Amino acid sequence: MIQLKRKPLWRADFKRVIDDMRRRPFDWETQYDCGLGLVVETVRVLTGHDFGAPYRGRYKTPAGAYRMMRKEGFENLADLVASLGPEIRPSQCMTGDVVAFRDDGIFGHALGIVNGERSFVMKEDGLGTMDTLAAERAFRVG
């Protein structure tokens, strides 16, 4: 597990990366999804650490992403994120932390980035939000 530290003035970078994400649609083929597109990119911008390097380019479909996740030994996306950083309660989250919402799909969870009471999530039609306290699991980023 890597100890992350946020960059100075990370809030300006957070706003910039979220504004950029608002302009891009969800896309499996380019890996612009909740994992690599939203969470990994936001964590990289806030901390300088790229957790996505080992996964980038290894899938282009939901089935491919699922096979990769299982091959890496994870039952669901939340377990994958738990291997990278400290888990906290959703009520302890602060802006920029990662949350996992229960999802009935093959991944078990959908990932999001906390922005106060609402968390940013990737939906099929692009960036959306969900109630942060509805998250099942949460993880500290720096």
Protein backbone atom coordinates (compact mmCIF):
# COMPACT_ATOMS: atom_id res chain seq x y z
CA MET A 1 0.00 0.00 0.00
CA ILE A 2 1.38 3.38 -1.03
CA GLN A 3 1.12 6.39 1.28
CA LEU A 4 -0.30 9.19 -0.84
CA LYS A 5 0.21 12.87 -0.20
CA ARG A 6 -1.82 15.51 -1.97
CA LYS A 7 0.01 18.20 -3.91
CA PRO A 8 -0.06 21.77 -2.63
CA LEU A 9 -3.00 23.68 -4.12
CA TRP A 10 -4.70 20.41 -5.09
CA ARG A 11 -8.16 22.00 -5.04
CA ALA A 12 -7.48 23.97 -8.25
CA ASP A 13 -6.29 20.74 -9.92
CA PHE A 14 -9.41 18.93 -8.66
CA LYS A 15 -11.69 21.55 -10.19
CA ARG A 16 -9.77 21.45 -13.48
CA VAL A 17 -9.85 17.63 -13.82
CA ILE A 18 -13.58 17.48 -13.02
CA ASP A 19 -14.31 20.26 -15.53
CA ASP A 20 -12.37 18.28 -18.17
CA MET A 21 -14.36 15.13 -17.34
CA ARG A 22 -17.67 16.92 -17.86
CA ARG A 23 -16.77 17.23 -21.54
CA ARG A 24 -16.05 13.54 -22.17
CA PRO A 25 -18.55 10.70 -22.58
CA PHE A 26 -18.19 7.32 -20.90
CA ASP A 27 -16.27 5.00 -23.25
CA TRP A 28 -15.00 1.46 -22.58
CA GLU A 29 -12.77 1.39 -25.65
CA THR A 30 -10.69 4.38 -24.52
CA GLN A 31 -11.00 3.27 -20.89
CA TYR A 32 -12.86 6.41 -19.93
CA ASP A 33 -14.84 4.66 -17.21
CA CYS A 34 -15.30 4.95 -13.44
CA GLY A 35 -11.94 3.32 -12.72
CA LEU A 36 -9.26 4.56 -15.09
CA GLY A 37 -11.17 7.55 -16.42
CA LEU A 38 -12.52 9.07 -13.22
CA VAL A 39 -10.81 7.67 -10.14
CA VAL A 40 -7.29 6.97 -11.39
CA GLU A 41 -7.06 10.25 -13.30
CA THR A 42 -8.32 12.30 -10.34
CA VAL A 43 -5.93 10.57 -7.91
CA ARG A 44 -3.06 11.14 -10.36
CA VAL A 45 -3.86 14.84 -10.63
CA LEU A 46 -4.21 15.27 -6.85
CA THR A 47 -1.16 13.24 -5.80
CA GLY A 48 1.06 12.66 -8.83
CA HIS A 49 0.77 8.87 -8.43
CA ASP A 50 -0.60 6.85 -11.36
CA PHE A 51 -2.29 3.68 -10.06
CA GLY A 52 -3.61 3.00 -13.56
CA ALA A 53 -0.31 2.23 -15.28
CA PRO A 54 -0.54 -1.58 -14.75
CA TYR A 55 -4.12 -1.65 -16.08
CA ARG A 56 -4.08 0.81 -18.96
CA GLY A 57 -4.54 -0.73 -22.38
CA ARG A 58 -5.56 -4.14 -21.04
CA TYR A 59 -9.28 -3.95 -21.91
CA LYS A 60 -11.72 -2.35 -24.34
CA THR A 61 -15.03 -3.85 -23.21
CA PRO A 62 -16.81 -4.45 -19.89
CA ALA A 63 -16.10 -8.18 -20.23
CA GLY A 64 -12.40 -7.47 -20.81
CA ALA A 65 -12.25 -5.18 -17.78
CA TYR A 66 -13.98 -7.82 -15.67
CA ARG A 67 -11.56 -10.56 -16.80
CA MET A 68 -8.59 -8.30 -16.01
CA MET A 69 -9.96 -7.50 -12.54
CA ARG A 70 -10.51 -11.19 -11.78
CA LYS A 71 -7.10 -12.16 -13.19
CA GLU A 72 -5.56 -9.65 -10.76
CA GLY A 73 -7.34 -11.54 -7.95
CA PHE A 74 -10.16 -9.14 -7.09
CA GLU A 75 -13.83 -10.04 -6.60
CA ASN A 76 -15.03 -6.47 -7.24
CA LEU A 77 -13.81 -2.92 -7.88
CA ALA A 78 -13.97 -1.92 -4.21
CA ASP A 79 -11.60 -4.74 -3.28
CA LEU A 80 -9.18 -3.58 -5.97
CA VAL A 81 -9.20 -0.02 -4.58
CA ALA A 82 -8.83 -1.38 -1.02
CA SER A 83 -5.53 -2.95 -2.09
CA LEU A 84 -4.19 0.51 -2.95
CA GLY A 85 -5.11 2.72 -0.01
CA PRO A 86 -6.62 2.96 3.46
CA GLU A 87 -10.32 2.29 3.86
CA ILE A 88 -12.46 4.73 5.85
CA ARG A 89 -16.16 5.12 6.57
CA PRO A 90 -18.13 7.09 3.95
CA SER A 91 -19.04 9.58 6.70
CA GLN A 92 -15.32 10.39 7.10
CA CYS A 93 -14.77 11.32 3.45
CA MET A 94 -13.44 14.61 2.27
CA THR A 95 -13.31 16.05 -1.22
CA GLY A 96 -11.07 13.96 -3.48
CA ASP A 97 -11.47 10.66 -1.61
CA VAL A 98 -12.70 7.56 -3.48
CA VAL A 99 -16.07 5.92 -2.82
CA ALA A 100 -17.60 2.66 -4.00
CA PHE A 101 -21.33 2.38 -4.57
CA ARG A 102 -22.98 -1.06 -4.64
CA ASP A 103 -23.83 -2.00 -8.20
CA ASP A 104 -25.71 -5.07 -9.40
CA GLY A 105 -23.49 -5.36 -12.48
CA ILE A 106 -20.53 -7.69 -12.94
CA PHE A 107 -18.11 -5.36 -11.14
CA GLY A 108 -20.03 -5.34 -7.84
CA HIS A 109 -19.40 -1.63 -7.34
CA ALA A 110 -19.18 1.61 -9.28
CA LEU A 111 -16.47 4.03 -8.20
CA GLY A 112 -16.77 7.74 -7.54
CA ILE A 113 -14.84 10.76 -6.33
CA VAL A 114 -16.13 12.69 -3.31
CA ASN A 115 -17.12 16.33 -3.68
CA GLY A 116 -18.75 17.00 -0.31
CA GLU A 117 -22.28 15.66 0.10
CA ARG A 118 -22.31 14.51 -3.54
CA SER A 119 -19.78 12.31 -5.29
CA PHE A 120 -18.92 12.38 -8.97
CA VAL A 121 -19.60 9.12 -10.82
CA MET A 122 -19.35 8.03 -14.44
CA LYS A 123 -22.66 7.14 -16.02
CA GLU A 124 -23.30 5.89 -19.53
CA ASP A 125 -24.18 9.45 -20.59
CA GLY A 126 -21.17 11.04 -18.84
CA LEU A 127 -20.35 12.55 -15.47
CA GLY A 128 -23.10 12.47 -12.85
CA THR A 129 -23.41 12.60 -9.06
CA MET A 130 -24.66 10.43 -6.23
CA ASP A 131 -25.18 10.99 -2.50
CA THR A 132 -21.79 10.37 -0.85
CA LEU A 133 -23.35 8.73 2.21
CA ALA A 134 -24.99 6.15 -0.07
CA ALA A 135 -21.53 4.70 -0.72
CA GLU A 136 -20.91 1.25 0.67
CA ARG A 137 -17.13 1.73 1.03
CA ALA A 138 -14.70 4.67 0.99
CA PHE A 139 -10.96 5.16 0.68
CA ARG A 140 -8.65 8.00 1.75
CA VAL A 141 -6.63 9.78 -0.93
CA GLY A 142 -3.69 11.47 0.77
